C-alpha atoms as a PDB file:
ATOM      1  CA  MET A   1     102.990 141.513 110.795  1.00  0.00           C
ATOM      2  CA  THR A   2     100.587 138.752 111.781  1.00  0.00           C
ATOM      3  CA  LEU A   3      97.299 139.746 113.380  1.00  0.00           C
ATOM      4  CA  LYS A   4      96.417 137.853 116.516  1.00  0.00           C
ATOM      5  CA  LYS A   5      92.926 136.403 116.754  1.00  0.00           C
ATOM      6  CA  ASP A   6      92.351 137.992 120.165  1.00  0.00           C
ATOM      7  CA  LYS A   7      93.551 141.496 119.304  1.00  0.00           C
ATOM      8  CA  GLN A   8      93.065 143.393 116.084  1.00  0.00           C
ATOM      9  CA  LYS A   9      95.688 146.011 115.292  1.00  0.00           C
ATOM     10  CA  VAL A  10      94.924 149.400 113.844  1.00  0.00           C
ATOM     11  CA  LEU A  11      97.827 150.348 111.634  1.00  0.00           C
ATOM     12  CA  GLY A  12      98.782 153.832 110.505  1.00  0.00           C
ATOM     13  CA  GLU A  13      96.013 155.611 112.407  1.00  0.00           C
ATOM     14  CA  VAL A  14      96.871 158.591 114.612  1.00  0.00           C
ATOM     15  CA  PHE A  15      95.245 158.492 118.034  1.00  0.00           C
ATOM     16  CA  ASP A  16      95.346 161.925 119.624  1.00  0.00           C
ATOM     17  CA  ASP A  17      93.016 162.737 122.540  1.00  0.00           C
ATOM     18  CA  GLU A  18      90.242 163.941 120.246  1.00  0.00           C
ATOM     19  CA  ARG A  19      90.349 160.728 118.192  1.00  0.00           C
ATOM     20  CA  ILE A  20      90.377 158.642 121.371  1.00  0.00           C
ATOM     21  CA  LYS A  21      87.310 160.510 122.689  1.00  0.00           C
ATOM     22  CA  THR A  22      85.353 159.590 119.556  1.00  0.00           C
ATOM     23  CA  PHE A  23      85.190 156.045 120.932  1.00  0.00           C
ATOM     24  CA  LEU A  24      82.814 157.392 123.600  1.00  0.00           C
ATOM     25  CA  ASP A  25      80.241 158.085 120.872  1.00  0.00           C
ATOM     26  CA  PHE A  26      79.623 154.574 119.525  1.00  0.00           C
ATOM     27  CA  GLU A  27      76.078 153.268 119.902  1.00  0.00           C
ATOM     28  CA  ALA A  28      75.574 149.772 121.221  1.00  0.00           C
ATOM     29  CA  PRO A  29      73.496 147.209 119.376  1.00  0.00           C
ATOM     30  CA  GLU A  30      70.143 146.474 120.941  1.00  0.00           C
ATOM     31  CA  GLY A  31      70.470 144.190 123.945  1.00  0.00           C
ATOM     32  CA  GLU A  32      74.091 145.085 124.667  1.00  0.00           C
ATOM     33  CA  ASN A  33      75.190 147.211 127.596  1.00  0.00           C
ATOM     34  CA  PRO A  34      76.290 150.574 126.116  1.00  0.00           C
ATOM     35  CA  ASP A  35      79.290 150.883 128.449  1.00  0.00           C
ATOM     36  CA  PHE A  36      80.488 147.356 127.700  1.00  0.00           C
ATOM     37  CA  HIS A  37      80.158 148.098 123.990  1.00  0.00           C
ATOM     38  CA  LEU A  38      82.354 151.202 124.287  1.00  0.00           C
ATOM     39  CA  LEU A  39      84.993 149.315 126.248  1.00  0.00           C
ATOM     40  CA  GLU A  40      85.079 146.459 123.768  1.00  0.00           C
ATOM     41  CA  LYS A  41      85.301 148.799 120.750  1.00  0.00           C
ATOM     42  CA  ALA A  42      88.206 150.648 122.342  1.00  0.00           C
ATOM     43  CA  TYR A  43      89.977 147.409 123.286  1.00  0.00           C
ATOM     44  CA  ARG A  44      89.663 146.036 119.766  1.00  0.00           C
ATOM     45  CA  GLY A  45      90.684 149.273 118.092  1.00  0.00           C
ATOM     46  CA  MET A  46      93.494 150.687 120.206  1.00  0.00           C
ATOM     47  CA  LYS A  47      97.024 150.000 121.268  1.00  0.00           C
ATOM     48  CA  VAL A  48      97.385 149.690 125.025  1.00  0.00           C
ATOM     49  CA  GLU A  49      98.669 153.247 125.584  1.00  0.00           C
ATOM     50  CA  ASN A  50      95.660 154.691 123.746  1.00  0.00           C
ATOM     51  CA  PHE A  51      93.321 152.300 125.549  1.00  0.00           C
ATOM     52  CA  ASP A  52      94.700 153.522 128.885  1.00  0.00           C
ATOM     53  CA  THR A  53      94.013 157.129 127.852  1.00  0.00           C
ATOM     54  CA  PHE A  54      90.515 156.137 126.705  1.00  0.00           C
ATOM     55  CA  LEU A  55      89.791 154.535 130.069  1.00  0.00           C
ATOM     56  CA  GLY A  56      90.585 157.840 131.781  1.00  0.00           C
ATOM     57  CA  PHE A  57      88.083 159.670 129.567  1.00  0.00           C
ATOM     58  CA  PHE A  58      85.584 156.802 129.971  1.00  0.00           C
ATOM     59  CA  THR A  59      85.614 156.840 133.767  1.00  0.00           C
ATOM     60  CA  GLU A  60      85.711 160.663 133.924  1.00  0.00           C
ATOM     61  CA  ALA A  61      82.496 160.695 131.892  1.00  0.00           C
ATOM     62  CA  GLY A  62      80.828 158.457 134.497  1.00  0.00           C
ATOM     63  CA  HIS A  63      80.780 155.235 132.480  1.00  0.00           C
ATOM     64  CA  ASP A  64      80.869 151.827 134.210  1.00  0.00           C
ATOM     65  CA  ILE A  65      84.239 150.121 133.788  1.00  0.00           C
ATOM     66  CA  ASN A  66      82.688 146.929 135.196  1.00  0.00           C
ATOM     67  CA  ALA A  67      79.840 146.829 132.659  1.00  0.00           C
ATOM     68  CA  LYS A  68      78.873 143.337 131.525  1.00  0.00           C
ATOM     69  CA  ASN A  69      78.130 141.808 128.152  1.00  0.00           C
ATOM     70  CA  PRO A  70      74.910 139.843 127.531  1.00  0.00           C
ATOM     71  CA  ASN A  71      76.632 136.730 128.932  1.00  0.00           C
ATOM     72  CA  GLY A  72      77.342 138.489 132.243  1.00  0.00           C
ATOM     73  CA  ASN A  73      81.098 138.934 131.720  1.00  0.00           C
ATOM     74  CA  THR A  74      83.101 142.112 132.170  1.00  0.00           C
ATOM     75  CA  LEU A  75      85.783 143.068 129.666  1.00  0.00           C
ATOM     76  CA  LEU A  76      88.359 142.385 132.391  1.00  0.00           C
ATOM     77  CA  VAL A  77      87.185 138.767 132.670  1.00  0.00           C
ATOM     78  CA  ILE A  78      87.159 138.316 128.900  1.00  0.00           C
ATOM     79  CA  ILE A  79      90.579 139.733 128.115  1.00  0.00           C
ATOM     80  CA  SER A  80      92.149 138.051 131.136  1.00  0.00           C
ATOM     81  CA  GLU A  81      91.825 134.904 129.032  1.00  0.00           C
ATOM     82  CA  HIS A  82      93.502 136.454 125.961  1.00  0.00           C
ATOM     83  CA  ARG A  83      97.061 135.399 125.376  1.00  0.00           C
ATOM     84  CA  HIS A  84      98.282 138.970 124.879  1.00  0.00           C
ATOM     85  CA  GLY A  85      95.821 140.779 127.127  1.00  0.00           C
ATOM     86  CA  ASP A  86      98.004 141.376 130.202  1.00  0.00           C
ATOM     87  CA  GLU A  87      98.748 145.051 129.542  1.00  0.00           C
ATOM     88  CA  TYR A  88      95.080 145.729 128.816  1.00  0.00           C
ATOM     89  CA  VAL A  89      94.098 143.934 132.030  1.00  0.00           C
ATOM     90  CA  ASP A  90      96.571 146.132 133.927  1.00  0.00           C
ATOM     91  CA  ALA A  91      95.085 149.277 132.345  1.00  0.00           C
ATOM     92  CA  LEU A  92      91.554 148.220 133.273  1.00  0.00           C
ATOM     93  CA  LYS A  93      92.570 147.490 136.869  1.00  0.00           C
ATOM     94  CA  LYS A  94      94.402 150.814 137.096  1.00  0.00           C
ATOM     95  CA  HIS A  95      91.113 152.530 136.270  1.00  0.00           C
ATOM     96  CA  GLY A  96      89.065 150.549 138.796  1.00  0.00           C
ATOM     97  CA  ALA A  97      87.997 147.348 137.046  1.00  0.00           C
ATOM     98  CA  VAL A  98      87.473 144.400 139.357  1.00  0.00           C
END
């Protein structure tokens, strides 16, 4: 299996709800929006079905799905430009990203 530059794959890892929720605990580097950091970590580390589940937990916890990176871009804007990002874009929009 070839890894795509725009999407890393996590192979052989089980993502139950408890594992998915652990992605809410990552700390952002200084200068980065904490909510954007969580979204990006989940996007890079999860298959789309797990990412969709994560987004439910993320929004339930009161996090900002439209958080921006230091360049002023939301994750929706960024992955809209990724060749294989369509399903992730759909998941973000389903959970309120604009």
